Amino acid sequence: MAAEVVRQVNQERTSRGLSELRVDSELTRAACVRAQEIVQSFSHTRPDGSSWSSVSSRVSGENIAKGQQTADKVMAAWMSSEGHRANILRESFGSIGVCAYKVGNVVYWAQEFGR
């Protein structure tokens, strides 16, 4: 599912003349940490009270979501939200990590962006 999100992110970017984002293993690790954390607290604040950006020194932006069962649905939700869309299309971002974490029937998503 995460690879499909990355594919769709890059499709959205290239259709607007922006460069593709490269998958970064550290950002992917950070996204998986954050996807698990938002199960406890669906927020850009981490469970310990620190900012989302403390998950990795390489993170410059974050999108989170919960409940969408497919890459298509989560991308539709993010692209219909001004703030989330801005992260996906931010020209200064050059890398991405995405993780989907499922608990029961609920999927928790995290996208971490880097420069």
PDB file of N, CA and C in Angstrom:
ATOM      1  N   MET A   1       0.826  -1.201   0.000  1.00  0.00           N
ATOM      2  CA  MET A   1       0.000   0.000   0.000  1.00  0.00           C
ATOM      3  C   MET A   1       0.864   1.257   0.000  1.00  0.00           C
ATOM      4  N   ALA A   2       1.947   1.244   0.781  1.00  0.00           N
ATOM      5  CA  ALA A   2       2.803   2.422   0.856  1.00  0.00           C
ATOM      6  C   ALA A   2       3.441   2.734  -0.497  1.00  0.00           C
ATOM      7  N   ALA A   3       3.891   1.707  -1.194  1.00  0.00           N
ATOM      8  CA  ALA A   3       4.509   1.924  -2.509  1.00  0.00           C
ATOM      9  C   ALA A   3       3.516   2.538  -3.490  1.00  0.00           C
ATOM     10  N   GLU A   4       2.261   2.153  -3.387  1.00  0.00           N
ATOM     11  CA  GLU A   4       1.237   2.726  -4.264  1.00  0.00           C
ATOM     12  C   GLU A   4       0.997   4.197  -3.925  1.00  0.00           C
ATOM     13  N   VAL A   5       1.053   4.554  -2.649  1.00  0.00           N
ATOM     14  CA  VAL A   5       0.927   5.968  -2.268  1.00  0.00           C
ATOM     15  C   VAL A   5       2.076   6.766  -2.875  1.00  0.00           C
ATOM     16  N   VAL A   6       3.294   6.257  -2.759  1.00  0.00           N
ATOM     17  CA  VAL A   6       4.452   6.954  -3.339  1.00  0.00           C
ATOM     18  C   VAL A   6       4.261   7.119  -4.846  1.00  0.00           C
ATOM     19  N   ARG A   7       3.808   6.074  -5.516  1.00  0.00           N
ATOM     20  CA  ARG A   7       3.578   6.150  -6.959  1.00  0.00           C
ATOM     21  C   ARG A   7       2.575   7.252  -7.287  1.00  0.00           C
ATOM     22  N   GLN A   8       1.495   7.316  -6.514  1.00  0.00           N
ATOM     23  CA  GLN A   8       0.470   8.331  -6.771  1.00  0.00           C
ATOM     24  C   GLN A   8       0.963   9.733  -6.428  1.00  0.00           C
ATOM     25  N   VAL A   9       1.748   9.859  -5.365  1.00  0.00           N
ATOM     26  CA  VAL A   9       2.345  11.159  -5.035  1.00  0.00           C
ATOM     27  C   VAL A   9       3.181  11.640  -6.219  1.00  0.00           C
ATOM     28  N   ASN A  10       4.028  10.769  -6.733  1.00  0.00           N
ATOM     29  CA  ASN A  10       4.892  11.166  -7.847  1.00  0.00           C
ATOM     30  C   ASN A  10       4.101  11.440  -9.116  1.00  0.00           C
ATOM     31  N   GLN A  11       3.013  10.746  -9.316  1.00  0.00           N
ATOM     32  CA  GLN A  11       2.141  11.034 -10.460  1.00  0.00           C
ATOM     33  C   GLN A  11       1.530  12.433 -10.319  1.00  0.00           C
ATOM     34  N   GLU A  12       1.059  12.767  -9.118  1.00  0.00           N
ATOM     35  CA  GLU A  12       0.502  14.105  -8.876  1.00  0.00           C
ATOM     36  C   GLU A  12       1.561  15.180  -9.113  1.00  0.00           C
ATOM     37  N   ARG A  13       2.768  14.922  -8.652  1.00  0.00           N
ATOM     38  CA  ARG A  13       3.843  15.909  -8.786  1.00  0.00           C
ATOM     39  C   ARG A  13       4.254  16.092 -10.247  1.00  0.00           C
ATOM     40  N   THR A  14       4.500  14.992 -10.941  1.00  0.00           N
ATOM     41  CA  THR A  14       4.982  15.117 -12.323  1.00  0.00           C
ATOM     42  C   THR A  14       3.921  15.699 -13.248  1.00  0.00           C
ATOM     43  N   SER A  15       2.652  15.463 -12.937  1.00  0.00           N
ATOM     44  CA  SER A  15       1.586  16.043 -13.769  1.00  0.00           C
ATOM     45  C   SER A  15       1.539  17.563 -13.638  1.00  0.00           C
ATOM     46  N   ARG A  16       2.204  18.091 -12.618  1.00  0.00           N
ATOM     47  CA  ARG A  16       2.265  19.542 -12.402  1.00  0.00           C
ATOM     48  C   ARG A  16       3.662  20.099 -12.681  1.00  0.00           C
ATOM     49  N   GLY A  17       4.507  19.293 -13.291  1.00  0.00           N
ATOM     50  CA  GLY A  17       5.845  19.752 -13.645  1.00  0.00           C
ATOM     51  C   GLY A  17       6.842  19.728 -12.506  1.00  0.00           C
ATOM     52  N   LEU A  18       6.517  19.050 -11.410  1.00  0.00           N
ATOM     53  CA  LEU A  18       7.422  18.946 -10.265  1.00  0.00           C
ATOM     54  C   LEU A  18       8.231  17.658 -10.353  1.00  0.00           C
ATOM     55  N   SER A  19       9.372  17.648  -9.688  1.00  0.00           N
ATOM     56  CA  SER A  19      10.204  16.444  -9.695  1.00  0.00           C
ATOM     57  C   SER A  19       9.594  15.363  -8.804  1.00  0.00           C
ATOM     58  N   GLU A  20       9.915  14.118  -9.127  1.00  0.00           N
ATOM     59  CA  GLU A  20       9.481  12.999  -8.295  1.00  0.00           C
ATOM     60  C   GLU A  20      10.223  13.028  -6.966  1.00  0.00           C
ATOM     61  N   LEU A  21       9.585  12.503  -5.936  1.00  0.00           N
ATOM     62  CA  LEU A  21      10.238  12.325  -4.644  1.00  0.00           C
ATOM     63  C   LEU A  21      10.899  10.952  -4.626  1.00  0.00           C
ATOM     64  N   ARG A  22      12.090  10.875  -4.059  1.00  0.00           N
ATOM     65  CA  ARG A  22      12.758   9.584  -3.930  1.00  0.00           C
ATOM     66  C   ARG A  22      12.426   8.993  -2.560  1.00  0.00           C
ATOM     67  N   VAL A  23      12.281   7.694  -2.510  1.00  0.00           N
ATOM     68  CA  VAL A  23      12.008   7.012  -1.244  1.00  0.00           C
ATOM     69  C   VAL A  23      13.289   7.006  -0.423  1.00  0.00           C
ATOM     70  N   ASP A  24      13.167   7.428   0.820  1.00  0.00           N
ATOM     71  CA  ASP A  24      14.291   7.513   1.752  1.00  0.00           C
ATOM     72  C   ASP A  24      14.040   6.523   2.889  1.00  0.00           C
ATOM     73  N   SER A  25      14.986   5.639   3.147  1.00  0.00           N
ATOM     74  CA  SER A  25      14.778   4.594   4.159  1.00  0.00           C
ATOM     75  C   SER A  25      14.606   5.167   5.562  1.00  0.00           C
ATOM     76  N   GLU A  26      15.293   6.247   5.883  1.00  0.00           N
ATOM     77  CA  GLU A  26      15.140   6.865   7.208  1.00  0.00           C
ATOM     78  C   GLU A  26      13.753   7.494   7.350  1.00  0.00           C
ATOM     79  N   LEU A  27      13.268   8.127   6.297  1.00  0.00           N
ATOM     80  CA  LEU A  27      11.921   8.698   6.343  1.00  0.00           C
ATOM     81  C   LEU A  27      10.866   7.599   6.399  1.00  0.00           C
ATOM     82  N   THR A  28      11.120   6.486   5.734  1.00  0.00           N
ATOM     83  CA  THR A  28      10.191   5.353   5.803  1.00  0.00           C
ATOM     84  C   THR A  28      10.145   4.798   7.221  1.00  0.00           C
ATOM     85  N   ARG A  29      11.305   4.674   7.851  1.00  0.00           N
ATOM     86  CA  ARG A  29      11.355   4.222   9.249  1.00  0.00           C
ATOM     87  C   ARG A  29      10.575   5.190  10.138  1.00  0.00           C
ATOM     88  N   ALA A  30      10.793   6.477   9.934  1.00  0.00           N
ATOM     89  CA  ALA A  30      10.091   7.493  10.724  1.00  0.00           C
ATOM     90  C   ALA A  30       8.585   7.418  10.487  1.00  0.00           C
ATOM     91  N   ALA A  31       8.179   7.191   9.241  1.00  0.00           N
ATOM     92  CA  ALA A  31       6.749   7.073   8.929  1.00  0.00           C
ATOM     93  C   ALA A  31       6.134   5.881   9.650  1.00  0.00           C
ATOM     94  N   CYS A  32       6.866   4.784   9.736  1.00  0.00           N
ATOM     95  CA  CYS A  32       6.335   3.605  10.438  1.00  0.00           C
ATOM     96  C   CYS A  32       6.230   3.852  11.940  1.00  0.00           C
ATOM     97  N   VAL A  33       7.188   4.570  12.498  1.00  0.00           N
ATOM     98  CA  VAL A  33       7.091   4.955  13.914  1.00  0.00           C
ATOM     99  C   VAL A  33       5.851   5.812  14.120  1.00  0.00           C
ATOM    100  N   ARG A  34       5.671   6.815  13.255  1.00  0.00           N
ATOM    101  CA  ARG A  34       4.545   7.737  13.412  1.00  0.00           C
ATOM    102  C   ARG A  34       3.204   7.041  13.165  1.00  0.00           C
ATOM    103  N   ALA A  35       3.142   6.124  12.196  1.00  0.00           N
ATOM    104  CA  ALA A  35       1.885   5.405  11.936  1.00  0.00           C
ATOM    105  C   ALA A  35       1.470   4.604  13.169  1.00  0.00           C
ATOM    106  N   GLN A  36       2.437   4.034  13.867  1.00  0.00           N
ATOM    107  CA  GLN A  36       2.122   3.295  15.093  1.00  0.00           C
ATOM    108  C   GLN A  36       1.755   4.243  16.234  1.00  0.00           C
ATOM    109  N   GLU A  37       2.417   5.387  16.298  1.00  0.00           N
ATOM    110  CA  GLU A  37       2.114   6.348  17.364  1.00  0.00           C
ATOM    111  C   GLU A  37       0.715   6.934  17.243  1.00  0.00           C
ATOM    112  N   ILE A  38       0.247   7.176  16.025  1.00  0.00           N
ATOM    113  CA  ILE A  38      -1.062   7.819  15.886  1.00  0.00           C
ATOM    114  C   ILE A  38      -2.210   6.881  16.236  1.00  0.00           C
ATOM    115  N   VAL A  39      -1.909   5.604  16.425  1.00  0.00           N
ATOM    116  CA  VAL A  39      -2.924   4.688  16.965  1.00  0.00           C
ATOM    117  C   VAL A  39      -3.288   5.143  18.377  1.00  0.00           C
ATOM    118  N   GLN A  40      -2.281   5.542  19.152  1.00  0.00           N
ATOM    119  CA  GLN A  40      -2.479   5.991  20.535  1.00  0.00           C
ATOM    120  C   GLN A  40      -3.042   7.403  20.604  1.00  0.00           C
ATOM    121  N   SER A  41      -2.537   8.264  19.734  1.00  0.00           N
ATOM    122  CA  SER A  41      -2.920   9.671  19.762  1.00  0.00           C
ATOM    123  C   SER A  41      -2.882  10.206  18.338  1.00  0.00           C
ATOM    124  N   PHE A  42      -4.068  10.372  17.727  1.00  0.00           N
ATOM    125  CA  PHE A  42      -4.125  10.834  16.345  1.00  0.00           C
ATOM    126  C   PHE A  42      -3.876  12.334  16.320  1.00  0.00           C
ATOM    127  N   SER A  43      -2.594  12.673  16.216  1.00  0.00           N
ATOM    128  CA  SER A  43      -2.184  14.061  16.342  1.00  0.00           C
ATOM    129  C   SER A  43      -0.788  14.218  15.752  1.00  0.00           C
ATOM    130  N   HIS A  44      -0.440  15.443  15.409  1.00  0.00           N
ATOM    131  CA  HIS A  44       0.936  15.722  15.004  1.00  0.00           C
ATOM    132  C   HIS A  44       1.836  15.888  16.221  1.00  0.00           C
ATOM    133  N   THR A  45       1.280  15.805  17.408  1.00  0.00           N
ATOM    134  CA  THR A  45       2.061  15.755  18.639  1.00  0.00           C
ATOM    135  C   THR A  45       2.277  14.288  18.986  1.00  0.00           C
ATOM    136  N   ARG A  46       3.513  13.937  19.297  1.00  0.00           N
ATOM    137  CA  ARG A  46       3.841  12.545  19.601  1.00  0.00           C
ATOM    138  C   ARG A  46       3.317  12.170  20.986  1.00  0.00           C
ATOM    139  N   PRO A  47       3.152  10.879  21.254  1.00  0.00           N
ATOM    140  CA  PRO A  47       2.607  10.449  22.554  1.00  0.00           C
ATOM    141  C   PRO A  47       3.382  10.977  23.764  1.00  0.00           C
ATOM    142  N   ASP A  48       4.679  11.253  23.593  1.00  0.00           N
ATOM    143  CA  ASP A  48       5.470  11.787  24.712  1.00  0.00           C
ATOM    144  C   ASP A  48       5.358  13.304  24.833  1.00  0.00           C
ATOM    145  N   GLY A  49       4.538  13.925  23.978  1.00  0.00           N
ATOM    146  CA  GLY A  49       4.328  15.370  24.031  1.00  0.00           C
ATOM    147  C   GLY A  49       5.224  16.166  23.100  1.00  0.00           C
ATOM    148  N   SER A  50       6.189  15.513  22.471  1.00  0.00           N
ATOM    149  CA  SER A  50       7.092  16.227  21.569  1.00  0.00           C
ATOM    150  C   SER A  50       6.457  16.396  20.186  1.00  0.00           C
ATOM    151  N   SER A  51       7.060  17.252  19.397  1.00  0.00           N
ATOM    152  CA  SER A  51       6.568  17.529  18.042  1.00  0.00           C
ATOM    153  C   SER A  51       6.797  16.337  17.126  1.00  0.00           C
ATOM    154  N   TRP A  52       5.942  16.213  16.121  1.00  0.00           N
ATOM    155  CA  TRP A  52       6.110  15.172  15.102  1.00  0.00           C
ATOM    156  C   TRP A  52       7.495  15.210  14.486  1.00  0.00           C
ATOM    157  N   SER A  53       8.072  16.389  14.370  1.00  0.00           N
ATOM    158  CA  SER A  53       9.361  16.533  13.691  1.00  0.00           C
ATOM    159  C   SER A  53      10.524  15.929  14.472  1.00  0.00           C
ATOM    160  N   SER A  54      10.289  15.580  15.739  1.00  0.00           N
ATOM    161  CA  SER A  54      11.360  14.969  16.533  1.00  0.00           C
ATOM    162  C   SER A  54      11.580  13.501  16.181  1.00  0.00           C
ATOM    163  N   VAL A  55      10.748  12.933  15.332  1.00  0.00           N
ATOM    164  CA  VAL A  55      10.876  11.517  14.959  1.00  0.00           C
ATOM    165  C   VAL A  55      12.162  11.269  14.159  1.00  0.00           C
ATOM    166  N   SER A  56      12.647  12.279  13.443  1.00  0.00           N
ATOM    167  CA  SER A  56      13.884  12.162  12.669  1.00  0.00           C
ATOM    168  C   SER A  56      14.365  13.557  12.301  1.00  0.00           C
ATOM    169  N   SER A  57      15.671  13.742  12.326  1.00  0.00           N
ATOM    170  CA  SER A  57      16.228  15.045  11.940  1.00  0.00           C
ATOM    171  C   SER A  57      16.050  15.314  10.446  1.00  0.00           C
ATOM    172  N   ARG A  58      15.674  14.316   9.681  1.00  0.00           N
ATOM    173  CA  ARG A  58      15.517  14.475   8.232  1.00  0.00           C
ATOM    174  C   ARG A  58      14.096  14.846   7.822  1.00  0.00           C
ATOM    175  N   VAL A  59      13.175  14.869   8.758  1.00  0.00           N
ATOM    176  CA  VAL A  59      11.768  15.130   8.444  1.00  0.00           C
ATOM    177  C   VAL A  59      11.508  16.631   8.371  1.00  0.00           C
ATOM    178  N   SER A  60      10.857  17.061   7.275  1.00  0.00           N
ATOM    179  CA  SER A  60      10.499  18.470   7.092  1.00  0.00           C
ATOM    180  C   SER A  60       9.002  18.690   6.952  1.00  0.00           C
ATOM    181  N   GLY A  61       8.236  17.624   6.764  1.00  0.00           N
ATOM    182  CA  GLY A  61       6.789  17.735   6.629  1.00  0.00           C
ATOM    183  C   GLY A  61       6.137  16.401   6.925  1.00  0.00           C
ATOM    184  N   GLU A  62       4.869  16.461   7.332  1.00  0.00           N
ATOM    185  CA  GLU A  62       4.163  15.231   7.682  1.00  0.00           C
ATOM    186  C   GLU A  62       2.699  15.327   7.287  1.00  0.00           C
ATOM    187  N   ASN A  63       2.185  14.235   6.740  1.00  0.00           N
ATOM    188  CA  ASN A  63       0.747  14.028   6.564  1.00  0.00           C
ATOM    189  C   ASN A  63       0.379  12.756   7.310  1.00  0.00           C
ATOM    190  N   ILE A  64      -0.742  12.791   8.019  1.00  0.00           N
ATOM    191  CA  ILE A  64      -1.254  11.590   8.672  1.00  0.00           C
ATOM    192  C   ILE A  64      -2.722  11.414   8.292  1.00  0.00           C
ATOM    193  N   ALA A  65      -3.181  10.185   8.393  1.00  0.00           N
ATOM    194  CA  ALA A  65      -4.588   9.883   8.098  1.00  0.00           C
ATOM    195  C   ALA A  65      -4.951   8.601   8.817  1.00  0.00           C
ATOM    196  N   LYS A  66      -6.260   8.402   8.992  1.00  0.00           N
ATOM    197  CA  LYS A  66      -6.712   7.148   9.588  1.00  0.00           C
ATOM    198  C   LYS A  66      -8.047   6.759   8.997  1.00  0.00           C
ATOM    199  N   GLY A  67      -8.187   5.457   8.753  1.00  0.00           N
ATOM    200  CA  GLY A  67      -9.461   4.920   8.321  1.00  0.00           C
ATOM    201  C   GLY A  67      -9.577   4.575   6.853  1.00  0.00           C
ATOM    202  N   GLN A  68      -8.792   5.218   6.007  1.00  0.00           N
ATOM    203  CA  GLN A  68      -8.871   4.915   4.580  1.00  0.00           C
ATOM    204  C   GLN A  68      -8.234   3.545   4.337  1.00  0.00           C
ATOM    205  N   GLN A  69      -8.969   2.687   3.647  1.00  0.00           N
ATOM    206  CA  GLN A  69      -8.528   1.299   3.483  1.00  0.00           C
ATOM    207  C   GLN A  69      -7.569   1.073   2.315  1.00  0.00           C
ATOM    208  N   THR A  70      -7.465   2.035   1.414  1.00  0.00           N
ATOM    209  CA  THR A  70      -6.622   1.854   0.229  1.00  0.00           C
ATOM    210  C   THR A  70      -5.785   3.100  -0.037  1.00  0.00           C
ATOM    211  N   ALA A  71      -4.744   2.908  -0.845  1.00  0.00           N
ATOM    212  CA  ALA A  71      -3.917   4.032  -1.274  1.00  0.00           C
ATOM    213  C   ALA A  71      -4.749   5.060  -2.034  1.00  0.00           C
ATOM    214  N   ASP A  72      -5.653   4.594  -2.890  1.00  0.00           N
ATOM    215  CA  ASP A  72      -6.513   5.518  -3.646  1.00  0.00           C
ATOM    216  C   ASP A  72      -7.325   6.406  -2.711  1.00  0.00           C
ATOM    217  N   LYS A  73      -7.889   5.809  -1.674  1.00  0.00           N
ATOM    218  CA  LYS A  73      -8.748   6.578  -0.760  1.00  0.00           C
ATOM    219  C   LYS A  73      -7.950   7.559   0.082  1.00  0.00           C
ATOM    220  N   VAL A  74      -6.787   7.149   0.574  1.00  0.00           N
ATOM    221  CA  VAL A  74      -6.013   8.082   1.390  1.00  0.00           C
ATOM    222  C   VAL A  74      -5.464   9.214   0.530  1.00  0.00           C
ATOM    223  N   MET A  75      -5.057   8.913  -0.698  1.00  0.00           N
ATOM    224  CA  MET A  75      -4.577   9.979  -1.579  1.00  0.00           C
ATOM    225  C   MET A  75      -5.701  10.941  -1.942  1.00  0.00           C
ATOM    226  N   ALA A  76      -6.897  10.427  -2.176  1.00  0.00           N
ATOM    227  CA  ALA A  76      -8.039  11.307  -2.465  1.00  0.00           C
ATOM    228  C   ALA A  76      -8.307  12.230  -1.281  1.00  0.00           C
ATOM    229  N   ALA A  77      -8.216  11.697  -0.071  1.00  0.00           N
ATOM    230  CA  ALA A  77      -8.438  12.514   1.132  1.00  0.00           C
ATOM    231  C   ALA A  77      -7.360  13.583   1.257  1.00  0.00           C
ATOM    232  N   TRP A  78      -6.111  13.206   1.103  1.00  0.00           N
ATOM    233  CA  TRP A  78      -5.029  14.176   1.218  1.00  0.00           C
ATOM    234  C   TRP A  78      -5.092  15.230   0.118  1.00  0.00           C
ATOM    235  N   MET A  79      -5.388  14.832  -1.102  1.00  0.00           N
ATOM    236  CA  MET A  79      -5.414  15.797  -2.200  1.00  0.00           C
ATOM    237  C   MET A  79      -6.613  16.737  -2.115  1.00  0.00           C
ATOM    238  N   SER A  80      -7.640  16.363  -1.371  1.00  0.00           N
ATOM    239  CA  SER A  80      -8.795  17.256  -1.212  1.00  0.00           C
ATOM    240  C   SER A  80      -8.646  18.183  -0.010  1.00  0.00           C
ATOM    241  N   SER A  81      -7.531  18.074   0.700  1.00  0.00           N
ATOM    242  CA  SER A  81      -7.241  18.927   1.855  1.00  0.00           C
ATOM    243  C   SER A  81      -6.096  19.874   1.493  1.00  0.00           C
ATOM    244  N   GLU A  82      -6.340  21.158   1.632  1.00  0.00           N
ATOM    245  CA  GLU A  82      -5.353  22.151   1.207  1.00  0.00           C
ATOM    246  C   GLU A  82      -3.977  21.937   1.837  1.00  0.00           C
ATOM    247  N   GLY A  83      -3.933  21.735   3.143  1.00  0.00           N
ATOM    248  CA  GLY A  83      -2.651  21.573   3.830  1.00  0.00           C
ATOM    249  C   GLY A  83      -1.915  20.307   3.439  1.00  0.00           C
ATOM    250  N   HIS A  84      -2.650  19.208   3.341  1.00  0.00           N
ATOM    251  CA  HIS A  84      -2.028  17.939   2.953  1.00  0.00           C
ATOM    252  C   HIS A  84      -1.542  17.994   1.502  1.00  0.00           C
ATOM    253  N   ARG A  85      -2.368  18.561   0.632  1.00  0.00           N
ATOM    254  CA  ARG A  85      -1.992  18.705  -0.777  1.00  0.00           C
ATOM    255  C   ARG A  85      -0.732  19.567  -0.905  1.00  0.00           C
ATOM    256  N   ALA A  86      -0.644  20.621  -0.097  1.00  0.00           N
ATOM    257  CA  ALA A  86       0.532  21.494  -0.144  1.00  0.00           C
ATOM    258  C   ALA A  86       1.806  20.722   0.185  1.00  0.00           C
ATOM    259  N   ASN A  87       1.744  19.831   1.168  1.00  0.00           N
ATOM    260  CA  ASN A  87       2.919  19.009   1.476  1.00  0.00           C
ATOM    261  C   ASN A  87       3.280  18.112   0.297  1.00  0.00           C
ATOM    262  N   ILE A  88       2.298  17.450  -0.281  1.00  0.00           N
ATOM    263  CA  ILE A  88       2.546  16.535  -1.398  1.00  0.00           C
ATOM    264  C   ILE A  88       3.171  17.271  -2.579  1.00  0.00           C
ATOM    265  N   LEU A  89       2.766  18.510  -2.789  1.00  0.00           N
ATOM    266  CA  LEU A  89       3.219  19.271  -3.958  1.00  0.00           C
ATOM    267  C   LEU A  89       4.305  20.295  -3.634  1.00  0.00           C
ATOM    268  N   ARG A  90       4.819  20.300  -2.417  1.00  0.00           N
ATOM    269  CA  ARG A  90       5.833  21.294  -2.037  1.00  0.00           C
ATOM    270  C   ARG A  90       7.101  21.091  -2.873  1.00  0.00           C
ATOM    271  N   GLU A  91       7.468  22.124  -3.583  1.00  0.00           N
ATOM    272  CA  GLU A  91       8.596  22.043  -4.511  1.00  0.00           C
ATOM    273  C   GLU A  91       9.914  21.750  -3.802  1.00  0.00           C
ATOM    274  N   SER A  92      10.069  22.221  -2.576  1.00  0.00           N
ATOM    275  CA  SER A  92      11.341  22.050  -1.868  1.00  0.00           C
ATOM    276  C   SER A  92      11.547  20.639  -1.317  1.00  0.00           C
ATOM    277  N   PHE A  93      10.521  19.812  -1.315  1.00  0.00           N
ATOM    278  CA  PHE A  93      10.688  18.438  -0.835  1.00  0.00           C
ATOM    279  C   PHE A  93      11.298  17.579  -1.938  1.00  0.00           C
ATOM    280  N   GLY A  94      12.223  16.705  -1.538  1.00  0.00           N
ATOM    281  CA  GLY A  94      12.886  15.831  -2.501  1.00  0.00           C
ATOM    282  C   GLY A  94      12.812  14.360  -2.155  1.00  0.00           C
ATOM    283  N   SER A  95      12.334  14.059  -0.938  1.00  0.00           N
ATOM    284  CA  SER A  95      12.298  12.658  -0.509  1.00  0.00           C
ATOM    285  C   SER A  95      11.040  12.388   0.302  1.00  0.00           C
ATOM    286  N   ILE A  96      10.725  11.105   0.432  1.00  0.00           N
ATOM    287  CA  ILE A  96       9.485  10.703   1.091  1.00  0.00           C
ATOM    288  C   ILE A  96       9.665   9.340   1.749  1.00  0.00           C
ATOM    289  N   GLY A  97       8.909   9.142   2.804  1.00  0.00           N
ATOM    290  CA  GLY A  97       8.727   7.829   3.410  1.00  0.00           C
ATOM    291  C   GLY A  97       7.258   7.686   3.748  1.00  0.00           C
ATOM    292  N   VAL A  98       6.682   6.537   3.468  1.00  0.00           N
ATOM    293  CA  VAL A  98       5.258   6.294   3.715  1.00  0.00           C
ATOM    294  C   VAL A  98       5.111   4.969   4.441  1.00  0.00           C
ATOM    295  N   CYS A  99       4.179   4.929   5.380  1.00  0.00           N
ATOM    296  CA  CYS A  99       3.887   3.679   6.076  1.00  0.00           C
ATOM    297  C   CYS A  99       2.393   3.599   6.358  1.00  0.00           C
ATOM    298  N   ALA A 100       1.862   2.399   6.212  1.00  0.00           N
ATOM    299  CA  ALA A 100       0.476   2.095   6.592  1.00  0.00           C
ATOM    300  C   ALA A 100       0.543   1.038   7.681  1.00  0.00           C
ATOM    301  N   TYR A 101      -0.188   1.262   8.772  1.00  0.00           N
ATOM    302  CA  TYR A 101      -0.179   0.353   9.915  1.00  0.00           C
ATOM    303  C   TYR A 101      -1.624   0.014  10.245  1.00  0.00           C
ATOM    304  N   LYS A 102      -1.951  -1.260  10.199  1.00  0.00           N
ATOM    305  CA  LYS A 102      -3.343  -1.683  10.384  1.00  0.00           C
ATOM    306  C   LYS A 102      -3.541  -2.276  11.773  1.00  0.00           C
ATOM    307  N   VAL A 103      -4.580  -1.791  12.452  1.00  0.00           N
ATOM    308  CA  VAL A 103      -4.996  -2.324  13.748  1.00  0.00           C
ATOM    309  C   VAL A 103      -6.470  -2.679  13.614  1.00  0.00           C
ATOM    310  N   GLY A 104      -6.774  -3.964  13.704  1.00  0.00           N
ATOM    311  CA  GLY A 104      -8.147  -4.393  13.462  1.00  0.00           C
ATOM    312  C   GLY A 104      -8.532  -4.060  12.038  1.00  0.00           C
ATOM    313  N   ASN A 105      -9.607  -3.316  11.878  1.00  0.00           N
ATOM    314  CA  ASN A 105     -10.051  -2.902  10.544  1.00  0.00           C
ATOM    315  C   ASN A 105      -9.667  -1.473  10.200  1.00  0.00           C
ATOM    316  N   VAL A 106      -8.836  -0.851  11.026  1.00  0.00           N
ATOM    317  CA  VAL A 106      -8.475   0.551  10.818  1.00  0.00           C
ATOM    318  C   VAL A 106      -7.035   0.644  10.327  1.00  0.00           C
ATOM    319  N   VAL A 107      -6.838   1.395   9.246  1.00  0.00           N
ATOM    320  CA  VAL A 107      -5.499   1.637   8.722  1.00  0.00           C
ATOM    321  C   VAL A 107      -5.071   3.045   9.125  1.00  0.00           C
ATOM    322  N   TYR A 108      -3.872   3.147   9.686  1.00  0.00           N
ATOM    323  CA  TYR A 108      -3.263   4.418  10.073  1.00  0.00           C
ATOM    324  C   TYR A 108      -2.128   4.693   9.088  1.00  0.00           C
ATOM    325  N   TRP A 109      -2.101   5.900   8.561  1.00  0.00           N
ATOM    326  CA  TRP A 109      -1.156   6.273   7.514  1.00  0.00           C
ATOM    327  C   TRP A 109      -0.258   7.414   7.985  1.00  0.00           C
ATOM    328  N   ALA A 110       1.002   7.355   7.598  1.00  0.00           N
ATOM    329  CA  ALA A 110       1.914   8.478   7.823  1.00  0.00           C
ATOM    330  C   ALA A 110       2.776   8.669   6.582  1.00  0.00           C
ATOM    331  N   GLN A 111       2.890   9.912   6.174  1.00  0.00           N
ATOM    332  CA  GLN A 111       3.802  10.331   5.102  1.00  0.00           C
ATOM    333  C   GLN A 111       4.780  11.296   5.745  1.00  0.00           C
ATOM    334  N   GLU A 112       6.056  11.032   5.579  1.00  0.00           N
ATOM    335  CA  GLU A 112       7.095  11.941   6.070  1.00  0.00           C
ATOM    336  C   GLU A 112       7.865  12.452   4.860  1.00  0.00           C
ATOM    337  N   PHE A 113       8.083  13.750   4.829  1.00  0.00           N
ATOM    338  CA  PHE A 113       8.745  14.395   3.697  1.00  0.00           C
ATOM    339  C   PHE A 113      10.080  14.982   4.129  1.00  0.00           C
ATOM    340  N   GLY A 114      11.053  14.939   3.225  1.00  0.00           N
ATOM    341  CA  GLY A 114      12.361  15.534   3.486  1.00  0.00           C
ATOM    342  C   GLY A 114      12.792  16.410   2.326  1.00  0.00           C
ATOM    343  N   ARG A 115      13.820  17.166   2.562  1.00  0.00           N
ATOM    344  CA  ARG A 115      14.317  18.111   1.542  1.00  0.00           C
ATOM    345  C   ARG A 115      15.336  17.476   0.625  1.00  0.00           C
TER     346      ARG A 115
END
